[in-house]
């Protein structure tokens, strides 16, 4: 269950409440943290961790995040638990994006290419003509009636 926002004032009173309110989007519903902890400690996950890392990884951060989330859910003014949870999510996001920001092979674009919306080459246009995507696109534009039967059989073998 997501934290109850009804008790948080529209205008946070302290700098900590303001910081929590600004980063509330990053806090997941509590059951996700518990599921992540259960998944991390499962036998299948432990085998995978051993295969990838050569050892089991520490799953206690998921448990701490779950506990902080529950405390924050019970008391939305518990800024300490919320800030620990927000910091944990921030660290997790930075770790996940480390390779992206550390990339020195590809140069990032400064702006969108000028010809980004040019028409497709003719061979791709011909392939697209009778595709399911083209049919649905025409239906959305109102050029053809929505089809009830798309021509596929729904055969089920029992």
N, C-alpha and C. Protein backbone atom coordinates (compact mmCIF):
# COMPACT_ATOMS: atom_id res chain seq x y z
N UNK A 1 0.84 -1.17 0.00
CA UNK A 1 0.00 0.00 0.00
C UNK A 1 0.89 1.24 0.00
N UNK A 2 0.55 2.23 -0.80
CA UNK A 2 1.33 3.46 -0.89
C UNK A 2 1.16 4.28 0.37
N UNK A 3 2.15 5.11 0.68
CA UNK A 3 2.03 5.96 1.86
C UNK A 3 0.80 6.85 1.78
N UNK A 4 0.15 7.06 2.92
CA UNK A 4 -1.03 7.90 2.99
C UNK A 4 -0.62 9.37 2.87
N UNK A 5 -1.10 10.02 1.82
CA UNK A 5 -0.73 11.41 1.60
C UNK A 5 -1.70 12.38 2.27
N UNK A 6 -2.77 11.86 2.86
CA UNK A 6 -3.78 12.74 3.43
C UNK A 6 -3.27 13.50 4.64
N UNK A 7 -2.28 12.96 5.34
CA UNK A 7 -1.79 13.61 6.54
C UNK A 7 -0.64 14.57 6.26
N UNK A 8 -0.09 14.54 5.05
CA UNK A 8 1.00 15.44 4.72
C UNK A 8 0.39 16.78 4.33
N UNK A 9 0.83 17.86 4.94
CA UNK A 9 0.23 19.16 4.63
C UNK A 9 0.58 19.60 3.21
N UNK A 10 -0.31 20.43 2.60
CA UNK A 10 -0.01 20.92 1.25
C UNK A 10 1.29 21.73 1.22
N UNK A 11 1.54 22.48 2.28
CA UNK A 11 2.78 23.24 2.40
C UNK A 11 3.63 22.62 3.50
N UNK A 12 4.69 21.91 3.15
CA UNK A 12 5.55 21.33 4.20
C UNK A 12 6.12 22.42 5.09
N UNK A 13 6.24 22.12 6.37
CA UNK A 13 6.66 23.12 7.35
C UNK A 13 8.17 23.16 7.55
N UNK A 14 8.82 21.99 7.49
CA UNK A 14 10.26 21.94 7.73
C UNK A 14 10.99 21.63 6.43
N UNK A 15 12.29 21.91 6.38
CA UNK A 15 13.06 21.57 5.18
C UNK A 15 13.04 20.07 4.88
N UNK A 16 13.02 19.25 5.95
CA UNK A 16 12.98 17.80 5.75
C UNK A 16 11.66 17.38 5.10
N UNK A 17 10.55 17.95 5.59
CA UNK A 17 9.25 17.63 4.99
C UNK A 17 9.19 18.10 3.54
N UNK A 18 9.79 19.24 3.26
CA UNK A 18 9.83 19.73 1.89
C UNK A 18 10.60 18.77 0.99
N UNK A 19 11.74 18.28 1.48
CA UNK A 19 12.55 17.33 0.71
C UNK A 19 11.79 16.03 0.48
N UNK A 20 11.11 15.54 1.50
CA UNK A 20 10.32 14.31 1.35
C UNK A 20 9.21 14.54 0.35
N UNK A 21 8.52 15.66 0.46
CA UNK A 21 7.39 15.96 -0.43
C UNK A 21 7.87 16.05 -1.88
N UNK A 22 9.06 16.65 -2.10
CA UNK A 22 9.61 16.77 -3.45
C UNK A 22 9.99 15.42 -4.06
N UNK A 23 10.41 14.49 -3.22
CA UNK A 23 10.89 13.19 -3.71
C UNK A 23 9.94 12.04 -3.42
N UNK A 24 8.72 12.35 -3.09
CA UNK A 24 7.74 11.31 -2.76
C UNK A 24 7.49 10.37 -3.94
N UNK A 25 7.67 10.87 -5.15
CA UNK A 25 7.46 10.05 -6.34
C UNK A 25 8.38 8.84 -6.38
N UNK A 26 9.54 8.93 -5.74
CA UNK A 26 10.51 7.83 -5.85
C UNK A 26 10.22 6.68 -4.89
N UNK A 27 9.32 6.89 -3.94
CA UNK A 27 9.01 5.83 -2.97
C UNK A 27 7.97 4.89 -3.57
N UNK A 28 8.32 3.63 -3.63
CA UNK A 28 7.41 2.62 -4.18
C UNK A 28 6.43 2.18 -3.10
N UNK A 29 5.33 1.52 -3.50
CA UNK A 29 4.46 0.90 -2.49
C UNK A 29 5.26 -0.13 -1.69
N UNK A 30 4.96 -0.25 -0.41
CA UNK A 30 5.77 -1.06 0.51
C UNK A 30 5.88 -2.53 0.10
N UNK A 31 4.81 -3.08 -0.46
CA UNK A 31 4.86 -4.51 -0.78
C UNK A 31 5.93 -4.81 -1.83
N UNK A 32 6.32 -3.82 -2.65
CA UNK A 32 7.38 -4.05 -3.63
C UNK A 32 8.71 -4.32 -2.95
N UNK A 33 9.00 -3.58 -1.88
CA UNK A 33 10.26 -3.79 -1.17
C UNK A 33 10.30 -5.17 -0.53
N UNK A 34 9.16 -5.61 0.01
CA UNK A 34 9.08 -6.93 0.60
C UNK A 34 9.24 -8.01 -0.47
N UNK A 35 8.61 -7.82 -1.63
CA UNK A 35 8.76 -8.78 -2.72
C UNK A 35 10.20 -8.85 -3.21
N UNK A 36 10.85 -7.70 -3.30
CA UNK A 36 12.25 -7.68 -3.73
C UNK A 36 13.13 -8.42 -2.72
N UNK A 37 12.86 -8.24 -1.43
CA UNK A 37 13.63 -8.94 -0.40
C UNK A 37 13.40 -10.45 -0.52
N UNK A 38 12.13 -10.86 -0.64
CA UNK A 38 11.82 -12.29 -0.78
C UNK A 38 12.49 -12.88 -2.02
N UNK A 39 12.43 -12.13 -3.12
CA UNK A 39 13.04 -12.61 -4.35
C UNK A 39 14.56 -12.70 -4.21
N UNK A 40 15.16 -11.71 -3.58
CA UNK A 40 16.62 -11.67 -3.41
C UNK A 40 17.12 -12.83 -2.55
N UNK A 41 16.32 -13.27 -1.59
CA UNK A 41 16.75 -14.33 -0.68
C UNK A 41 16.27 -15.72 -1.11
N UNK A 42 15.59 -15.81 -2.24
CA UNK A 42 15.11 -17.13 -2.68
C UNK A 42 16.27 -17.99 -3.16
N UNK A 43 16.06 -19.28 -3.22
CA UNK A 43 17.10 -20.22 -3.66
C UNK A 43 17.49 -19.94 -5.11
N UNK A 44 16.50 -19.69 -5.94
CA UNK A 44 16.77 -19.40 -7.34
C UNK A 44 17.65 -18.15 -7.47
N UNK A 45 17.33 -17.10 -6.71
CA UNK A 45 18.11 -15.87 -6.78
C UNK A 45 19.52 -16.09 -6.24
N UNK A 46 19.63 -16.87 -5.16
CA UNK A 46 20.96 -17.14 -4.59
C UNK A 46 21.83 -17.89 -5.59
N UNK A 47 21.24 -18.83 -6.32
CA UNK A 47 21.99 -19.56 -7.34
C UNK A 47 22.44 -18.60 -8.44
N UNK A 48 21.54 -17.73 -8.87
CA UNK A 48 21.86 -16.74 -9.90
C UNK A 48 22.96 -15.79 -9.43
N UNK A 49 22.86 -15.33 -8.19
CA UNK A 49 23.88 -14.43 -7.63
C UNK A 49 25.25 -15.11 -7.61
N UNK A 50 25.27 -16.36 -7.19
CA UNK A 50 26.52 -17.12 -7.15
C UNK A 50 27.10 -17.28 -8.55
N UNK A 51 26.22 -17.54 -9.53
CA UNK A 51 26.66 -17.72 -10.91
C UNK A 51 27.23 -16.42 -11.47
N UNK A 52 26.56 -15.29 -11.21
CA UNK A 52 26.97 -14.00 -11.77
C UNK A 52 28.11 -13.36 -10.98
N UNK A 53 28.00 -13.31 -9.65
CA UNK A 53 28.95 -12.58 -8.82
C UNK A 53 29.97 -13.48 -8.11
N UNK A 54 29.72 -14.77 -8.09
CA UNK A 54 30.62 -15.67 -7.40
C UNK A 54 30.33 -15.79 -5.91
N UNK A 55 29.34 -15.08 -5.43
CA UNK A 55 28.93 -15.12 -4.03
C UNK A 55 27.50 -14.59 -3.92
N UNK A 56 26.90 -14.82 -2.77
CA UNK A 56 25.57 -14.27 -2.52
C UNK A 56 25.69 -12.79 -2.21
N UNK A 57 24.75 -12.02 -2.72
CA UNK A 57 24.79 -10.58 -2.43
C UNK A 57 23.99 -10.29 -1.17
N UNK A 58 24.23 -9.13 -0.58
CA UNK A 58 23.55 -8.71 0.65
C UNK A 58 22.16 -8.18 0.29
N UNK A 59 21.14 -8.78 0.83
CA UNK A 59 19.76 -8.39 0.55
C UNK A 59 19.15 -7.55 1.67
N UNK A 60 19.94 -7.22 2.66
CA UNK A 60 19.39 -6.52 3.83
C UNK A 60 18.88 -5.12 3.51
N UNK A 61 19.40 -4.49 2.43
CA UNK A 61 18.91 -3.15 2.09
C UNK A 61 17.43 -3.19 1.72
N UNK A 62 16.99 -4.28 1.05
CA UNK A 62 15.57 -4.41 0.72
C UNK A 62 14.74 -4.51 2.00
N UNK A 63 15.24 -5.22 2.99
CA UNK A 63 14.52 -5.35 4.26
C UNK A 63 14.46 -4.01 4.99
N UNK A 64 15.60 -3.28 5.01
CA UNK A 64 15.59 -1.95 5.64
C UNK A 64 14.63 -1.01 4.92
N UNK A 65 14.61 -1.09 3.57
CA UNK A 65 13.69 -0.24 2.81
C UNK A 65 12.24 -0.57 3.13
N UNK A 66 11.95 -1.86 3.25
CA UNK A 66 10.58 -2.27 3.60
C UNK A 66 10.21 -1.73 4.98
N UNK A 67 11.10 -1.89 5.96
CA UNK A 67 10.82 -1.40 7.31
C UNK A 67 10.63 0.11 7.33
N UNK A 68 11.47 0.85 6.62
CA UNK A 68 11.32 2.31 6.54
C UNK A 68 10.01 2.70 5.86
N UNK A 69 9.64 1.97 4.83
CA UNK A 69 8.40 2.26 4.13
C UNK A 69 7.20 2.04 5.03
N UNK A 70 7.20 0.96 5.78
CA UNK A 70 6.09 0.67 6.70
C UNK A 70 6.00 1.76 7.77
N UNK A 71 7.16 2.16 8.32
CA UNK A 71 7.16 3.22 9.33
C UNK A 71 6.62 4.53 8.75
N UNK A 72 7.04 4.84 7.53
CA UNK A 72 6.57 6.07 6.88
C UNK A 72 5.09 5.98 6.53
N UNK A 73 4.64 4.79 6.15
CA UNK A 73 3.22 4.62 5.83
C UNK A 73 2.35 4.81 7.08
N UNK A 74 2.83 4.32 8.22
CA UNK A 74 2.07 4.47 9.47
C UNK A 74 2.10 5.91 9.96
N UNK A 75 3.23 6.58 9.75
CA UNK A 75 3.38 7.95 10.23
C UNK A 75 4.01 8.80 9.12
N UNK A 76 3.20 9.46 8.29
CA UNK A 76 3.74 10.24 7.17
C UNK A 76 4.64 11.41 7.59
N UNK A 77 4.67 11.73 8.87
CA UNK A 77 5.56 12.80 9.34
C UNK A 77 6.93 12.24 9.78
N UNK A 78 7.12 10.94 9.62
CA UNK A 78 8.41 10.31 9.95
C UNK A 78 9.39 10.59 8.81
N UNK A 79 9.97 11.78 8.83
CA UNK A 79 10.85 12.19 7.74
C UNK A 79 12.16 11.41 7.73
N UNK A 80 12.60 10.93 8.89
CA UNK A 80 13.85 10.17 8.94
C UNK A 80 13.74 8.89 8.11
N UNK A 81 12.66 8.13 8.31
CA UNK A 81 12.45 6.90 7.54
C UNK A 81 12.28 7.21 6.06
N UNK A 82 11.52 8.26 5.76
CA UNK A 82 11.29 8.62 4.37
C UNK A 82 12.59 9.04 3.69
N UNK A 83 13.42 9.82 4.38
CA UNK A 83 14.67 10.26 3.78
C UNK A 83 15.63 9.09 3.56
N UNK A 84 15.66 8.12 4.48
CA UNK A 84 16.50 6.94 4.28
C UNK A 84 16.02 6.16 3.05
N UNK A 85 14.73 6.06 2.90
CA UNK A 85 14.14 5.35 1.76
C UNK A 85 14.44 6.09 0.45
N UNK A 86 14.29 7.39 0.46
CA UNK A 86 14.57 8.20 -0.74
C UNK A 86 16.05 8.09 -1.11
N UNK A 87 16.92 8.14 -0.11
CA UNK A 87 18.36 8.02 -0.37
C UNK A 87 18.71 6.63 -0.93
N UNK A 88 18.06 5.61 -0.41
CA UNK A 88 18.28 4.26 -0.92
C UNK A 88 17.86 4.15 -2.38
N UNK A 89 16.70 4.72 -2.71
CA UNK A 89 16.23 4.71 -4.10
C UNK A 89 17.18 5.50 -5.00
N UNK A 90 17.67 6.62 -4.49
CA UNK A 90 18.61 7.44 -5.26
C UNK A 90 19.90 6.65 -5.54
N UNK A 91 20.42 5.97 -4.52
CA UNK A 91 21.63 5.16 -4.71
C UNK A 91 21.39 4.02 -5.69
N UNK A 92 20.23 3.39 -5.59
CA UNK A 92 19.89 2.30 -6.49
C UNK A 92 19.82 2.80 -7.94
N UNK A 93 19.23 3.98 -8.14
CA UNK A 93 19.11 4.56 -9.47
C UNK A 93 20.50 4.93 -10.01
N UNK A 94 21.36 5.51 -9.17
CA UNK A 94 22.71 5.87 -9.61
C UNK A 94 23.51 4.63 -9.99
N UNK A 95 23.38 3.57 -9.22
CA UNK A 95 24.09 2.32 -9.53
C UNK A 95 23.62 1.74 -10.86
N UNK A 96 22.30 1.79 -11.08
CA UNK A 96 21.75 1.25 -12.32
C UNK A 96 22.20 2.06 -13.53
N UNK A 97 22.36 3.38 -13.37
CA UNK A 97 22.71 4.24 -14.50
C UNK A 97 24.21 4.52 -14.62
N UNK A 98 25.00 3.88 -13.77
CA UNK A 98 26.44 4.12 -13.77
C UNK A 98 27.06 3.83 -15.14
N UNK A 99 26.68 2.74 -15.77
CA UNK A 99 27.24 2.40 -17.09
C UNK A 99 26.80 3.41 -18.14
N UNK A 100 25.58 3.89 -18.03
CA UNK A 100 25.08 4.88 -18.99
C UNK A 100 25.89 6.17 -18.92
N UNK A 101 26.09 6.68 -17.72
CA UNK A 101 26.83 7.93 -17.56
C UNK A 101 28.33 7.73 -17.75
N UNK A 102 28.82 6.53 -17.53
CA UNK A 102 30.23 6.25 -17.71
C UNK A 102 30.59 5.89 -19.14
N UNK A 103 29.64 5.89 -20.03
CA UNK A 103 29.86 5.52 -21.42
C UNK A 103 30.78 6.54 -22.09
N UNK A 104 31.88 6.06 -22.63
CA UNK A 104 32.77 6.95 -23.37
C UNK A 104 32.95 6.49 -24.81
N UNK A 105 32.08 5.59 -25.25
CA UNK A 105 32.15 5.08 -26.61
C UNK A 105 31.24 5.89 -27.54
N UNK A 106 30.01 6.12 -27.09
CA UNK A 106 29.04 6.83 -27.91
C UNK A 106 28.95 8.28 -27.47
N UNK A 107 28.85 9.16 -28.44
CA UNK A 107 28.69 10.58 -28.15
C UNK A 107 27.20 10.89 -28.03
N UNK A 108 26.79 11.56 -26.98
CA UNK A 108 25.38 11.90 -26.80
C UNK A 108 25.01 13.06 -27.71
N UNK A 109 23.77 13.03 -28.20
CA UNK A 109 23.29 14.09 -29.08
C UNK A 109 23.06 15.38 -28.32
N UNK A 110 23.32 16.48 -29.00
CA UNK A 110 23.00 17.79 -28.45
C UNK A 110 21.59 18.20 -28.83
N UNK A 111 21.14 17.76 -30.02
CA UNK A 111 19.79 18.09 -30.50
C UNK A 111 19.29 16.96 -31.39
N UNK A 112 18.02 17.00 -31.69
CA UNK A 112 17.38 15.99 -32.53
C UNK A 112 17.86 16.18 -33.97
N UNK A 113 18.13 15.09 -34.71
CA UNK A 113 18.53 15.24 -36.12
C UNK A 113 17.44 15.97 -36.91
N UNK A 114 17.86 16.79 -37.86
CA UNK A 114 16.89 17.59 -38.62
C UNK A 114 15.95 16.74 -39.46
N UNK A 115 16.41 15.59 -39.93
CA UNK A 115 15.57 14.76 -40.80
C UNK A 115 14.94 13.59 -40.04
N UNK A 116 14.69 13.75 -38.77
CA UNK A 116 14.19 12.65 -37.95
C UNK A 116 12.82 12.16 -38.39
N UNK A 117 12.04 13.01 -39.06
CA UNK A 117 10.68 12.61 -39.43
C UNK A 117 10.52 12.41 -40.94
N UNK A 118 11.61 12.18 -41.63
CA UNK A 118 11.51 11.97 -43.07
C UNK A 118 10.77 10.66 -43.36
N UNK A 119 10.15 10.54 -44.54
CA UNK A 119 9.41 9.31 -44.86
C UNK A 119 10.32 8.08 -44.90
N UNK A 120 9.70 6.93 -44.64
CA UNK A 120 10.46 5.68 -44.67
C UNK A 120 10.86 5.35 -46.11
N UNK A 121 11.91 4.57 -46.29
CA UNK A 121 12.26 4.11 -47.64
C UNK A 121 11.13 3.27 -48.23
N UNK A 122 11.08 3.20 -49.54
CA UNK A 122 9.96 2.55 -50.21
C UNK A 122 9.81 1.08 -49.82
N UNK A 123 10.91 0.34 -49.68
CA UNK A 123 10.79 -1.09 -49.34
C UNK A 123 10.16 -1.26 -47.95
N UNK A 124 10.44 -0.36 -47.01
CA UNK A 124 9.81 -0.46 -45.70
C UNK A 124 8.34 -0.04 -45.76
N UNK A 125 8.03 0.94 -46.60
CA UNK A 125 6.65 1.37 -46.75
C UNK A 125 5.80 0.24 -47.32
N UNK A 126 6.34 -0.50 -48.29
CA UNK A 126 5.60 -1.63 -48.86
C UNK A 126 5.35 -2.72 -47.82
N UNK A 127 6.34 -3.00 -46.98
CA UNK A 127 6.18 -4.00 -45.93
C UNK A 127 5.11 -3.56 -44.92
N UNK A 128 5.02 -2.27 -44.69
CA UNK A 128 4.12 -1.71 -43.69
C UNK A 128 2.67 -1.69 -44.17
N UNK A 129 2.46 -1.67 -45.50
CA UNK A 129 1.12 -1.51 -46.08
C UNK A 129 0.07 -2.46 -45.52
N UNK A 130 0.36 -3.71 -45.41
CA UNK A 130 -0.64 -4.70 -44.98
C UNK A 130 -0.37 -5.23 -43.59
N UNK A 131 0.33 -4.48 -42.80
CA UNK A 131 0.65 -4.95 -41.45
C UNK A 131 -0.50 -4.67 -40.49
N UNK A 132 -0.47 -5.34 -39.39
CA UNK A 132 -1.47 -5.16 -38.34
C UNK A 132 -1.40 -3.73 -37.79
N UNK A 133 -0.19 -3.20 -37.67
CA UNK A 133 -0.01 -1.85 -37.17
C UNK A 133 -0.64 -0.83 -38.11
N UNK A 134 -0.48 -1.01 -39.40
CA UNK A 134 -1.09 -0.11 -40.38
C UNK A 134 -2.62 -0.19 -40.31
N UNK A 135 -3.16 -1.39 -40.18
CA UNK A 135 -4.61 -1.57 -40.06
C UNK A 135 -5.14 -0.82 -38.83
N UNK A 136 -4.50 -0.99 -37.70
CA UNK A 136 -4.93 -0.31 -36.47
C UNK A 136 -4.75 1.21 -36.60
N UNK A 137 -3.71 1.65 -37.29
CA UNK A 137 -3.49 3.07 -37.50
C UNK A 137 -4.63 3.67 -38.33
N UNK A 138 -5.04 2.96 -39.39
CA UNK A 138 -6.17 3.43 -40.21
C UNK A 138 -7.46 3.45 -39.40
N UNK A 139 -7.65 2.44 -38.55
CA UNK A 139 -8.85 2.42 -37.70
C UNK A 139 -8.87 3.61 -36.76
N UNK A 140 -7.73 3.96 -36.19
CA UNK A 140 -7.67 5.09 -35.26
C UNK A 140 -7.91 6.42 -35.97
N UNK A 141 -7.48 6.53 -37.23
CA UNK A 141 -7.71 7.75 -38.00
C UNK A 141 -9.14 7.80 -38.54
N UNK A 142 -9.89 6.70 -38.43
CA UNK A 142 -11.27 6.65 -38.90
C UNK A 142 -11.40 6.37 -40.38
N UNK A 143 -10.34 5.89 -41.02
CA UNK A 143 -10.37 5.61 -42.45
C UNK A 143 -11.08 4.29 -42.75
N UNK A 144 -11.07 3.35 -41.82
CA UNK A 144 -11.76 2.07 -42.00
C UNK A 144 -12.52 1.76 -40.72
N UNK A 145 -13.51 0.90 -40.85
CA UNK A 145 -14.29 0.47 -39.69
C UNK A 145 -13.45 -0.46 -38.82
N UNK A 146 -13.57 -0.33 -37.51
CA UNK A 146 -12.85 -1.28 -36.65
C UNK A 146 -13.30 -2.71 -36.93
N UNK A 147 -12.33 -3.59 -37.07
CA UNK A 147 -12.66 -4.97 -37.40
C UNK A 147 -12.88 -5.77 -36.12
N UNK A 148 -13.89 -6.58 -36.14
CA UNK A 148 -14.16 -7.48 -35.01
C UNK A 148 -13.31 -8.73 -35.14
N UNK A 149 -13.09 -9.15 -36.38
CA UNK A 149 -12.32 -10.36 -36.66
C UNK A 149 -11.06 -9.95 -37.40
N UNK A 150 -9.92 -10.21 -36.81
CA UNK A 150 -8.68 -9.82 -37.47
C UNK A 150 -8.11 -10.94 -38.34
N UNK A 151 -8.88 -12.00 -38.57
CA UNK A 151 -8.46 -13.06 -39.47
C UNK A 151 -7.64 -14.15 -38.82
N UNK A 152 -7.32 -14.01 -37.55
CA UNK A 152 -6.56 -15.04 -36.87
C UNK A 152 -7.51 -16.01 -36.19
N UNK A 153 -7.14 -17.27 -36.19
CA UNK A 153 -7.98 -18.24 -35.47
C UNK A 153 -7.51 -18.34 -34.03
N UNK A 154 -8.42 -18.58 -33.16
CA UNK A 154 -8.10 -18.72 -31.76
C UNK A 154 -8.28 -20.18 -31.36
N UNK A 155 -7.57 -21.04 -32.05
CA UNK A 155 -7.68 -22.47 -31.82
C UNK A 155 -6.95 -22.85 -30.55
N UNK A 156 -7.63 -23.57 -29.70
CA UNK A 156 -7.02 -24.02 -28.47
C UNK A 156 -7.10 -25.54 -28.42
N UNK A 157 -5.96 -26.18 -28.20
CA UNK A 157 -5.92 -27.64 -28.10
C UNK A 157 -5.91 -28.01 -26.63
N UNK A 158 -6.86 -28.82 -26.24
CA UNK A 158 -6.93 -29.22 -24.83
C UNK A 158 -6.50 -30.64 -24.66
